[in-house]
Every structure is written in C-alpha cells, then in structure tokens.
Amino acid sequence: MSFEVAADAYDRYMGRFSRPLAAEFLAWAGAGDGPPVLDVGCGPGALTTTLVDALGAQHVAAVDPSESFVSAVVLRLPGVDARHASAERLPFDDGTFGAAYAQLVVHFMTDPVAGLAEMRRVVRPGGTVAACVWNFGVGSPIGPFWDAAHEIDPHAPVETGRPGTREGELARFAADAGLADVVGGTVEVDIPMATFEEWWEPFTFRVGPAGDYVASLSPDTRERLRDACRKRLPDAPFDVTARAWAVRATA
C-alpha cells in the first residue's frame, strides 16, 4: 500500500506515535553488523531520523513506495540515500547493509514474506533484519477509533486482519523468509495527549485506511463517530499506550 499524502499530514496522524516508537524499537532490535543500515518503508522519516541521529546521514539509506514521503526524507535529512521503491524490490546489491529495519510497514506489504526475504538479501550474513507492527488486538494507538467505528457501522473496515498484526505472525514470516535466530517480542510506548481534539483531528486528514474511512462518511455520521471515540477515551489530558509486535532475526 502507498500513502500518497502530504508528509506533514502523515506526521500529525501517525508520526506522533511512530517517532517515540522508533527509539524503543531500535533499542530492542539492536545495531546489527554495523553501518550502513536501511530503513524499509521509511514514510516521512520517523525511524530514519533516529538512525541518522545514531549513525550519521552518510550511513543511512531509506526506501518508500510513496513519492511524497521520499521527497520529504530528502529535504529533511540531507545525505540519506532515499529512494522510491517497494520492500519487495529493493534497489540495492546483495549484502550491502549491516541491518535493515521495517517499522509499521509489514502489514502494508503486498507480500510480507517476500519483503522480509528482500531485506535478508541486502543485509550482510550475520547482520540483523527487524520489523514491528502495531498490535491491533489490544495495543494499537488508533484502536479506540476502530472500536467506535464498528459500534456505529458494522460494515466499517477491519485492520485486525492485516498480516503481522497477530501474535507470532511476524516471527513466522521471518522464518518463511529464510531468516535465522528469529526472536519475537513487543515494544511499548506512552504518548501524551493534551486534548481530545489533538487525538481526533488527524483522523480527518485522509491518511491511511482510517482517514479514508472518515472521508467517506456523511457529516452527521462523522460527528457520531467523533462522539463515540470521545466516550472511549479518558478525560484530557491522557496518555495513549501503544504496543507493537516486533521481530528480529539474523540474515
């Protein structure tokens, strides 16, 4: 899946969650076999920025299928080798990197096993391949949104069936992709919200499946959804606890 939306809109929608997740995910995944490293499905650069802060832009490459996100990374992080490409067809030679990471991406890959196999291909033997996706069962930061959506509309889309979002799936994908020393785990972050509107407004930016769903609703139904979401969240200020399934393995 491609997200051809403005980078700033995506930042306000998912970046508020993916930025703090990046630091925790990299701490859990480890440094691999050293630089250079690759960010697969980089979006506007949440994980890429964390990698640059740790290693320097000259040691970081990034790919994404959305042109707008690649352009944002080029502007925001000069020196990063940012390219327009999908996970399933990475434009790099075998054994180029010491590690390859995919944050919040596997569940949008056309073929998750092929994507992870490509990550294995471009990583040096002994290097690290790691990925994480939201736990849509009990830990997604947008879980209250979908719960409210299904309360008012039984035919609303379902994200819990996306590949990799259930316990153990990422590890199975990694093993099927030919990776070794596969370890599954979880990563958790708490994100403060000063107001309900801070949490709700980004859903109106038409980013991702949730944004597309909101855009499809009539004004009255959208207001019903907003009210249903408010009832599911604590009084502001509140924290959103977000949990992600994670996997790390050896190429």
Protein backbone atom coordinates (compact mmCIF):
# COMPACT_ATOMS: atom_id res chain seq x y z
CA MET A 1 0.00 0.00 0.00
CA SER A 2 1.21 3.51 -0.87
CA PHE A 3 0.41 6.63 1.16
CA GLU A 4 0.41 9.46 -1.36
CA VAL A 5 -0.39 12.20 1.13
CA ALA A 6 1.49 15.24 2.38
CA ALA A 7 4.30 14.35 4.77
CA ASP A 8 3.10 16.90 7.33
CA ALA A 9 -0.36 15.32 7.39
CA TYR A 10 1.14 11.88 7.97
CA ASP A 11 3.39 13.27 10.71
CA ARG A 12 0.38 14.62 12.60
CA TYR A 13 -1.58 11.42 12.08
CA MET A 14 0.95 8.62 12.72
CA GLY A 15 4.24 10.40 13.32
CA ARG A 16 3.14 11.36 16.82
CA PHE A 17 3.18 7.63 17.60
CA SER A 18 5.93 6.37 15.28
CA ARG A 19 8.58 8.85 16.44
CA PRO A 20 8.65 7.67 20.07
CA LEU A 21 8.26 4.08 18.90
CA ALA A 22 11.39 4.36 16.75
CA ALA A 23 13.77 4.79 19.68
CA GLU A 24 12.27 1.87 21.59
CA PHE A 25 12.19 -0.36 18.52
CA LEU A 26 15.85 0.26 17.66
CA ALA A 27 16.91 -0.31 21.27
CA TRP A 28 15.10 -3.66 21.16
CA ALA A 29 16.30 -4.66 17.67
CA GLY A 30 19.97 -3.83 18.17
CA ALA A 31 22.61 -2.37 15.88
CA GLY A 32 23.19 -5.43 13.74
CA ASP A 33 26.53 -5.74 11.97
CA GLY A 34 27.13 -2.00 11.88
CA PRO A 35 26.60 0.64 9.19
CA PRO A 36 25.36 1.25 6.64
CA VAL A 37 21.76 0.49 7.60
CA LEU A 38 18.47 0.53 5.72
CA ASP A 39 15.00 1.81 6.68
CA VAL A 40 12.37 -0.05 4.63
CA GLY A 41 9.06 1.78 4.23
CA CYS A 42 10.53 4.91 5.78
CA GLY A 43 7.49 7.15 5.45
CA PRO A 44 8.43 10.80 6.11
CA GLY A 45 11.38 9.64 8.20
CA ALA A 46 10.49 8.85 11.83
CA LEU A 47 12.78 5.84 12.11
CA THR A 48 15.21 7.27 9.56
CA THR A 49 15.77 10.32 11.77
CA THR A 50 16.58 8.12 14.75
CA LEU A 51 19.06 6.16 12.64
CA VAL A 52 20.68 9.38 11.40
CA ASP A 53 21.00 10.69 14.95
CA ALA A 54 22.80 7.48 15.93
CA LEU A 55 24.97 6.85 12.85
CA GLY A 56 25.09 9.94 10.65
CA ALA A 57 23.23 10.51 7.40
CA GLN A 58 26.03 9.08 5.25
CA HIS A 59 25.48 5.67 6.84
CA VAL A 60 21.70 5.51 6.35
CA ALA A 61 19.58 4.52 3.35
CA ALA A 62 15.79 4.58 3.12
CA VAL A 63 13.09 3.45 0.71
CA ASP A 64 9.36 4.01 0.43
CA PRO A 65 6.74 3.42 -2.29
CA SER A 66 5.26 6.91 -1.78
CA GLU A 67 6.96 9.67 -3.76
CA SER A 68 5.84 12.36 -1.32
CA PHE A 69 7.50 10.60 1.61
CA VAL A 70 10.78 10.03 -0.23
CA SER A 71 10.85 13.73 -1.17
CA ALA A 72 10.26 14.65 2.48
CA VAL A 73 13.17 12.49 3.64
CA VAL A 74 15.46 14.01 1.01
CA LEU A 75 14.58 17.52 2.24
CA ARG A 76 14.60 16.75 5.95
CA LEU A 77 17.65 14.51 6.11
CA PRO A 78 20.29 15.63 3.59
CA GLY A 79 22.85 12.93 2.92
CA VAL A 80 20.50 9.98 3.38
CA ASP A 81 20.29 7.72 0.33
CA ALA A 82 16.50 7.89 -0.04
CA ARG A 83 14.90 6.04 -2.95
CA HIS A 84 11.42 5.36 -4.31
CA ALA A 85 10.96 1.58 -4.08
CA SER A 86 8.85 -1.16 -2.55
CA ALA A 87 10.01 -3.60 0.11
CA GLU A 88 9.56 -6.48 -2.31
CA ARG A 89 12.02 -4.98 -4.84
CA LEU A 90 14.84 -3.23 -3.00
CA PRO A 91 17.25 -1.36 -5.33
CA PHE A 92 20.46 -2.48 -3.60
CA ASP A 93 23.08 -5.20 -4.13
CA ASP A 94 23.27 -8.32 -2.02
CA GLY A 95 24.93 -7.86 1.38
CA THR A 96 25.01 -4.06 1.27
CA PHE A 97 23.87 -3.35 4.84
CA GLY A 98 24.65 -4.38 8.39
CA ALA A 99 20.98 -4.12 9.33
CA ALA A 100 17.58 -3.49 7.74
CA TYR A 101 14.58 -2.26 9.70
CA ALA A 102 10.87 -2.01 8.86
CA GLN A 103 8.73 -0.04 11.30
CA LEU A 104 4.93 -0.18 10.89
CA VAL A 105 5.32 -1.48 7.35
CA VAL A 106 4.98 -5.26 7.13
CA HIS A 107 1.17 -5.16 7.44
CA PHE A 108 1.04 -2.94 4.32
CA MET A 109 3.43 -5.03 2.20
CA THR A 110 1.92 -6.76 -0.81
CA ASP A 111 3.86 -9.89 0.15
CA PRO A 112 5.34 -9.75 3.69
CA VAL A 113 7.47 -12.86 3.28
CA ALA A 114 8.92 -11.57 0.01
CA GLY A 115 9.58 -8.19 1.62
CA LEU A 116 11.43 -9.72 4.56
CA ALA A 117 13.34 -12.00 2.17
CA GLU A 118 14.48 -8.94 0.22
CA MET A 119 15.63 -7.34 3.47
CA ARG A 120 17.61 -10.52 4.20
CA ARG A 121 19.16 -10.40 0.72
CA VAL A 122 20.51 -6.86 1.07
CA VAL A 123 21.91 -7.45 4.59
CA ARG A 124 25.34 -8.97 5.13
CA PRO A 125 25.46 -12.51 6.53
CA GLY A 126 25.26 -12.19 10.29
CA GLY A 127 23.52 -8.82 10.10
CA THR A 128 20.09 -8.01 11.51
CA VAL A 129 16.65 -7.85 9.96
CA ALA A 130 13.99 -6.41 12.28
CA ALA A 131 10.39 -5.29 11.95
CA CYS A 132 7.48 -4.17 14.09
CA VAL A 133 3.76 -3.55 13.57
CA TRP A 134 1.00 -2.34 15.87
CA ASN A 135 -0.82 -4.92 17.94
CA PHE A 136 -4.28 -4.24 16.53
CA GLY A 137 -5.81 -6.61 19.04
CA VAL A 138 -5.17 -4.67 22.25
CA GLY A 139 -2.42 -2.15 21.65
CA SER A 140 -2.92 -0.04 18.55
CA PRO A 141 -2.93 3.71 19.26
CA ILE A 142 -5.87 4.00 16.86
CA GLY A 143 -7.70 1.03 18.33
CA PRO A 144 -10.36 3.21 20.02
CA PHE A 145 -11.12 4.73 16.62
CA TRP A 146 -11.89 1.37 15.00
CA ASP A 147 -13.82 0.17 18.04
CA ALA A 148 -16.01 3.27 17.82
CA ALA A 149 -16.34 2.89 14.04
CA HIS A 150 -17.66 -0.65 14.36
CA GLU A 151 -20.03 0.44 17.11
CA ILE A 152 -21.83 2.80 14.73
CA ASP A 153 -21.13 0.93 11.49
CA PRO A 154 -20.83 -2.88 11.49
CA HIS A 155 -19.54 -2.67 7.90
CA ALA A 156 -16.58 -0.42 8.74
CA PRO A 157 -13.18 -1.71 7.54
CA VAL A 158 -11.25 -4.12 9.73
CA GLU A 159 -7.49 -3.76 10.31
CA THR A 160 -7.08 -6.61 12.78
CA GLY A 161 -6.73 -9.00 9.85
CA ARG A 162 -3.72 -7.26 8.34
CA PRO A 163 -0.67 -9.54 8.05
CA GLY A 164 1.67 -9.47 11.01
CA THR A 165 -0.72 -7.83 13.46
CA ARG A 166 -1.44 -11.01 15.44
CA GLU A 167 0.88 -12.64 17.97
CA GLY A 168 3.54 -14.82 16.37
CA GLU A 169 2.85 -13.84 12.77
CA LEU A 170 5.96 -11.69 12.31
CA ALA A 171 8.15 -14.50 13.56
CA ARG A 172 6.50 -16.95 11.15
CA PHE A 173 7.01 -14.54 8.25
CA ALA A 174 10.67 -14.11 9.19
CA ALA A 175 11.26 -17.85 9.32
CA ASP A 176 9.49 -18.34 5.99
CA ALA A 177 11.73 -15.62 4.53
CA GLY A 178 14.80 -17.71 5.35
CA LEU A 179 15.99 -15.68 8.33
CA ALA A 180 17.78 -17.34 11.24
CA ASP A 181 17.81 -16.83 15.02
CA VAL A 182 14.27 -15.44 14.91
CA VAL A 183 13.17 -13.72 18.13
CA GLY A 184 9.71 -12.25 18.67
CA GLY A 185 8.80 -9.65 21.25
CA THR A 186 6.85 -6.48 21.99
CA VAL A 187 7.66 -2.79 22.11
CA GLU A 188 5.52 -0.31 24.05
CA VAL A 189 5.34 3.48 24.21
CA ASP A 190 3.14 6.01 26.03
CA ILE A 191 2.13 9.13 24.10
CA PRO A 192 0.62 12.11 25.95
CA MET A 193 -2.47 13.84 24.54
CA ALA A 194 -3.27 17.29 25.89
CA THR A 195 -6.81 17.32 24.49
CA PHE A 196 -9.26 15.00 22.79
CA GLU A 197 -9.03 17.16 19.64
CA GLU A 198 -5.28 16.56 19.49
CA TRP A 199 -6.04 12.85 19.21
CA TRP A 200 -9.08 13.17 16.90
CA GLU A 201 -8.22 15.87 14.33
CA PRO A 202 -5.53 13.91 12.43
CA PHE A 203 -8.15 11.30 11.51
CA THR A 204 -9.72 13.98 9.29
CA PHE A 205 -6.54 14.37 7.19
CA ARG A 206 -7.37 11.41 4.92
CA VAL A 207 -4.24 9.47 5.84
CA GLY A 208 -4.32 5.67 5.67
CA PRO A 209 -7.36 3.41 5.98
CA ALA A 210 -8.80 5.30 8.96
CA GLY A 211 -8.52 8.65 7.20
CA ASP A 212 -10.12 7.27 4.05
CA TYR A 213 -12.96 5.89 6.13
CA VAL A 214 -13.62 9.24 7.86
CA ALA A 215 -13.60 11.00 4.48
CA SER A 216 -16.25 8.58 3.19
CA LEU A 217 -18.75 9.44 5.95
CA SER A 218 -21.55 11.97 5.86
CA PRO A 219 -21.12 14.95 8.24
CA ASP A 220 -23.72 13.51 10.63
CA THR A 221 -22.10 10.07 10.73
CA ARG A 222 -18.67 11.62 11.16
CA GLU A 223 -19.95 13.53 14.19
CA ARG A 224 -21.43 10.33 15.63
CA LEU A 225 -18.07 8.64 15.18
CA ARG A 226 -16.28 11.53 16.87
CA ASP A 227 -18.64 11.35 19.85
CA ALA A 228 -18.24 7.56 20.08
CA CYS A 229 -14.45 7.98 20.11
CA ARG A 230 -14.62 10.60 22.84
CA LYS A 231 -16.62 8.24 25.06
CA ARG A 232 -13.95 5.56 24.70
CA LEU A 233 -11.09 7.79 25.82
CA PRO A 234 -10.28 9.21 29.28
CA ASP A 235 -10.80 12.85 30.11
CA ALA A 236 -7.93 15.00 28.86
CA PRO A 237 -5.07 15.15 29.39
CA PHE A 238 -4.47 11.45 28.92
CA ASP A 239 -1.81 9.05 27.68
CA VAL A 240 -2.22 6.66 24.77
CA THR A 241 -0.38 3.40 25.38
CA ALA A 242 0.67 1.83 22.09
CA ARG A 243 2.00 -1.72 21.78
CA ALA A 244 3.73 -3.22 18.79
CA TRP A 245 4.64 -6.78 17.91
CA ALA A 246 8.32 -7.00 16.95
CA VAL A 247 10.73 -9.49 15.42
CA ARG A 248 14.49 -9.54 14.98
CA ALA A 249 16.50 -12.14 13.13
CA THR A 250 19.85 -12.84 11.51
CA ALA A 251 20.45 -12.69 7.77
